[in-house]
């Protein structure tokens, strides 16, 4: 995919994700479901009646997976760039932290526990002598 098409896709997915995240879309979906349910007795709960909702929801879900994944990928990448910049500005130079998104779940869990242990050690306050 060339750069121009990627920009169009990025703008499209960002706009669609923004629109579909509004409460009025949720309310619209509920209204559509209510109308569909109310037409059940009129259409005799036929196979076609059931097929309409099944097909519609399947198509929407299928497309939304790609839109959500695209926006999450971009958000995660932007967040990593911002965190890297903050770490560099703060003088944090641990390469293991800069490359955390490349690690496995097991490696991340190990690092998390190591950092938590280190924080517990450094956050302990010295005991005062009471007289």
C-alpha atoms as a PDB file:
ATOM      1  CA  UNK A   1       0.000   0.000   0.000  1.00  0.00           C
ATOM      2  CA  UNK A   2       1.503   3.352  -0.962  1.00  0.00           C
ATOM      3  CA  UNK A   3       1.859   6.326   1.360  1.00  0.00           C
ATOM      4  CA  UNK A   4      -1.136   8.231  -0.049  1.00  0.00           C
ATOM      5  CA  UNK A   5      -3.465   5.240   0.405  1.00  0.00           C
ATOM      6  CA  UNK A   6      -2.201   4.734   3.958  1.00  0.00           C
ATOM      7  CA  UNK A   7      -2.976   8.374   4.766  1.00  0.00           C
ATOM      8  CA  UNK A   8      -6.491   8.001   3.364  1.00  0.00           C
ATOM      9  CA  UNK A   9      -7.012   4.779   5.332  1.00  0.00           C
ATOM     10  CA  UNK A  10      -5.640   6.401   8.500  1.00  0.00           C
ATOM     11  CA  UNK A  11      -7.946   9.404   8.161  1.00  0.00           C
ATOM     12  CA  UNK A  12     -10.889   7.113   7.385  1.00  0.00           C
ATOM     13  CA  UNK A  13     -10.352   4.772  10.343  1.00  0.00           C
ATOM     14  CA  UNK A  14      -9.692   7.652  12.730  1.00  0.00           C
ATOM     15  CA  UNK A  15     -12.885   9.419  11.659  1.00  0.00           C
ATOM     16  CA  UNK A  16     -15.012   6.256  11.760  1.00  0.00           C
ATOM     17  CA  UNK A  17     -13.653   5.267  15.196  1.00  0.00           C
ATOM     18  CA  UNK A  18     -14.390   8.768  16.468  1.00  0.00           C
ATOM     19  CA  UNK A  19     -17.943   8.726  15.138  1.00  0.00           C
ATOM     20  CA  UNK A  20     -18.705   5.207  16.349  1.00  0.00           C
ATOM     21  CA  UNK A  21     -17.473   6.038  19.838  1.00  0.00           C
ATOM     22  CA  UNK A  22     -20.352   8.425  20.524  1.00  0.00           C
ATOM     23  CA  UNK A  23     -23.284   7.569  22.765  1.00  0.00           C
ATOM     24  CA  UNK A  24     -25.799   8.338  20.023  1.00  0.00           C
ATOM     25  CA  UNK A  25     -24.399   5.451  17.948  1.00  0.00           C
ATOM     26  CA  UNK A  26     -25.023   3.087  20.854  1.00  0.00           C
ATOM     27  CA  UNK A  27     -28.575   4.418  21.231  1.00  0.00           C
ATOM     28  CA  UNK A  28     -29.105   4.036  17.469  1.00  0.00           C
ATOM     29  CA  UNK A  29     -27.938   0.409  17.670  1.00  0.00           C
ATOM     30  CA  UNK A  30     -30.368  -0.224  20.533  1.00  0.00           C
ATOM     31  CA  UNK A  31     -33.215   1.302  18.515  1.00  0.00           C
ATOM     32  CA  UNK A  32     -32.337  -0.875  15.517  1.00  0.00           C
ATOM     33  CA  UNK A  33     -32.363  -3.956  17.765  1.00  0.00           C
ATOM     34  CA  UNK A  34     -35.695  -2.932  19.295  1.00  0.00           C
ATOM     35  CA  UNK A  35     -37.259  -2.413  15.847  1.00  0.00           C
ATOM     36  CA  UNK A  36     -35.875  -5.756  14.714  1.00  0.00           C
ATOM     37  CA  UNK A  37     -37.255  -7.492  17.838  1.00  0.00           C
ATOM     38  CA  UNK A  38     -40.663  -5.853  17.416  1.00  0.00           C
ATOM     39  CA  UNK A  39     -40.881  -7.053  13.812  1.00  0.00           C
ATOM     40  CA  UNK A  40     -40.337 -10.644  14.950  1.00  0.00           C
ATOM     41  CA  UNK A  41     -44.008 -11.424  15.636  1.00  0.00           C
ATOM     42  CA  UNK A  42     -45.061  -9.625  12.434  1.00  0.00           C
ATOM     43  CA  UNK A  43     -42.665 -11.711  10.342  1.00  0.00           C
ATOM     44  CA  UNK A  44     -43.377 -14.872  12.300  1.00  0.00           C
ATOM     45  CA  UNK A  45     -39.836 -15.091  13.673  1.00  0.00           C
ATOM     46  CA  UNK A  46     -38.827 -16.470  10.289  1.00  0.00           C
ATOM     47  CA  UNK A  47     -35.384 -17.608   9.224  1.00  0.00           C
ATOM     48  CA  UNK A  48     -35.076 -14.472   7.098  1.00  0.00           C
ATOM     49  CA  UNK A  49     -35.910 -12.308  10.126  1.00  0.00           C
ATOM     50  CA  UNK A  50     -33.111 -13.984  12.096  1.00  0.00           C
ATOM     51  CA  UNK A  51     -30.726 -13.880   9.144  1.00  0.00           C
ATOM     52  CA  UNK A  52     -31.111 -10.102   8.849  1.00  0.00           C
ATOM     53  CA  UNK A  53     -29.740  -9.415  12.352  1.00  0.00           C
ATOM     54  CA  UNK A  54     -27.130 -12.157  12.185  1.00  0.00           C
ATOM     55  CA  UNK A  55     -25.730 -10.950   8.863  1.00  0.00           C
ATOM     56  CA  UNK A  56     -25.819  -7.288   9.842  1.00  0.00           C
ATOM     57  CA  UNK A  57     -24.051  -7.778  13.158  1.00  0.00           C
ATOM     58  CA  UNK A  58     -21.474 -10.128  11.666  1.00  0.00           C
ATOM     59  CA  UNK A  59     -20.520  -7.674   8.923  1.00  0.00           C
ATOM     60  CA  UNK A  60     -20.341  -4.728  11.324  1.00  0.00           C
ATOM     61  CA  UNK A  61     -18.262  -6.709  13.826  1.00  0.00           C
ATOM     62  CA  UNK A  62     -15.902  -7.925  11.120  1.00  0.00           C
ATOM     63  CA  UNK A  63     -15.242  -4.400   9.850  1.00  0.00           C
ATOM     64  CA  UNK A  64     -14.978  -2.880  13.325  1.00  0.00           C
ATOM     65  CA  UNK A  65     -12.204  -5.298  14.292  1.00  0.00           C
ATOM     66  CA  UNK A  66      -9.960  -3.776  11.625  1.00  0.00           C
ATOM     67  CA  UNK A  67     -10.896  -0.199  12.449  1.00  0.00           C
ATOM     68  CA  UNK A  68     -10.319  -0.681  16.178  1.00  0.00           C
ATOM     69  CA  UNK A  69      -7.040  -2.522  15.625  1.00  0.00           C
ATOM     70  CA  UNK A  70      -5.774   0.187  13.305  1.00  0.00           C
ATOM     71  CA  UNK A  71      -6.553   2.990  15.745  1.00  0.00           C
ATOM     72  CA  UNK A  72      -5.095   1.040  18.694  1.00  0.00           C
ATOM     73  CA  UNK A  73      -1.887   0.340  16.783  1.00  0.00           C
ATOM     74  CA  UNK A  74      -1.460   4.036  16.007  1.00  0.00           C
ATOM     75  CA  UNK A  75      -2.327   5.087  19.562  1.00  0.00           C
ATOM     76  CA  UNK A  76       0.161   2.598  21.007  1.00  0.00           C
ATOM     77  CA  UNK A  77       2.894   3.716  18.635  1.00  0.00           C
ATOM     78  CA  UNK A  78       2.279   7.390  19.456  1.00  0.00           C
ATOM     79  CA  UNK A  79       2.286   6.609  23.189  1.00  0.00           C
ATOM     80  CA  UNK A  80       5.586   4.716  22.878  1.00  0.00           C
ATOM     81  CA  UNK A  81       7.155   7.627  21.014  1.00  0.00           C
ATOM     82  CA  UNK A  82       5.987  10.076  23.669  1.00  0.00           C
ATOM     83  CA  UNK A  83       7.196   7.864  26.516  1.00  0.00           C
ATOM     84  CA  UNK A  84      10.577   7.382  24.830  1.00  0.00           C
ATOM     85  CA  UNK A  85      10.931  11.152  24.455  1.00  0.00           C
ATOM     86  CA  UNK A  86      10.021  11.687  28.127  1.00  0.00           C
ATOM     87  CA  UNK A  87      12.470   8.990  29.223  1.00  0.00           C
ATOM     88  CA  UNK A  88      15.269  10.569  27.195  1.00  0.00           C
ATOM     89  CA  UNK A  89      14.406  14.037  28.530  1.00  0.00           C
ATOM     90  CA  UNK A  90      14.398  12.651  32.088  1.00  0.00           C
ATOM     91  CA  UNK A  91      17.771  11.011  31.590  1.00  0.00           C
ATOM     92  CA  UNK A  92      16.475   7.447  31.763  1.00  0.00           C
ATOM     93  CA  UNK A  93      18.789   5.420  29.576  1.00  0.00           C
ATOM     94  CA  UNK A  94      17.867   1.812  30.330  1.00  0.00           C
ATOM     95  CA  UNK A  95      17.650   0.195  26.902  1.00  0.00           C
ATOM     96  CA  UNK A  96      15.499  -2.587  28.372  1.00  0.00           C
ATOM     97  CA  UNK A  97      12.789  -0.029  29.082  1.00  0.00           C
ATOM     98  CA  UNK A  98      13.012   1.549  25.636  1.00  0.00           C
ATOM     99  CA  UNK A  99      12.468  -1.847  24.007  1.00  0.00           C
ATOM    100  CA  UNK A 100       9.732  -3.094  26.342  1.00  0.00           C
ATOM    101  CA  UNK A 101       7.106  -3.356  23.593  1.00  0.00           C
ATOM    102  CA  UNK A 102       9.297  -5.941  21.857  1.00  0.00           C
ATOM    103  CA  UNK A 103       9.346  -8.305  24.865  1.00  0.00           C
ATOM    104  CA  UNK A 104       7.183 -11.338  25.525  1.00  0.00           C
ATOM    105  CA  UNK A 105       4.514 -11.368  28.220  1.00  0.00           C
ATOM    106  CA  UNK A 106       6.740 -13.535  30.400  1.00  0.00           C
ATOM    107  CA  UNK A 107       9.684 -11.115  30.084  1.00  0.00           C
ATOM    108  CA  UNK A 108       7.440  -8.148  30.878  1.00  0.00           C
ATOM    109  CA  UNK A 109       6.032  -9.875  33.964  1.00  0.00           C
ATOM    110  CA  UNK A 110       9.590 -10.653  35.130  1.00  0.00           C
ATOM    111  CA  UNK A 111      10.646  -7.010  34.623  1.00  0.00           C
ATOM    112  CA  UNK A 112       7.524  -5.768  36.429  1.00  0.00           C
ATOM    113  CA  UNK A 113       8.275  -7.921  39.476  1.00  0.00           C
ATOM    114  CA  UNK A 114      11.942  -6.856  39.447  1.00  0.00           C
ATOM    115  CA  UNK A 115      11.001  -3.169  39.360  1.00  0.00           C
ATOM    116  CA  UNK A 116       8.396  -3.637  42.098  1.00  0.00           C
ATOM    117  CA  UNK A 117      10.997  -5.317  44.341  1.00  0.00           C
ATOM    118  CA  UNK A 118      13.457  -2.520  43.622  1.00  0.00           C
ATOM    119  CA  UNK A 119      10.830   0.117  44.428  1.00  0.00           C
ATOM    120  CA  UNK A 120       9.971  -1.571  47.717  1.00  0.00           C
ATOM    121  CA  UNK A 121      13.637  -1.483  48.710  1.00  0.00           C
ATOM    122  CA  UNK A 122      14.145   2.165  47.795  1.00  0.00           C
ATOM    123  CA  UNK A 123      10.851   3.342  49.309  1.00  0.00           C
ATOM    124  CA  UNK A 124      11.531   1.920  52.766  1.00  0.00           C
ATOM    125  CA  UNK A 125      11.941   4.716  55.261  1.00  0.00           C
ATOM    126  CA  UNK A 126      14.658   4.469  57.849  1.00  0.00           C
ATOM    127  CA  UNK A 127      13.384   3.673  61.300  1.00  0.00           C
ATOM    128  CA  UNK A 128      13.658   6.400  63.903  1.00  0.00           C
ATOM    129  CA  UNK A 129      14.947   5.664  67.311  1.00  0.00           C
ATOM    130  CA  UNK A 130      12.431   6.444  69.970  1.00  0.00           C
ATOM    131  CA  UNK A 131      13.740   7.607  73.318  1.00  0.00           C
END
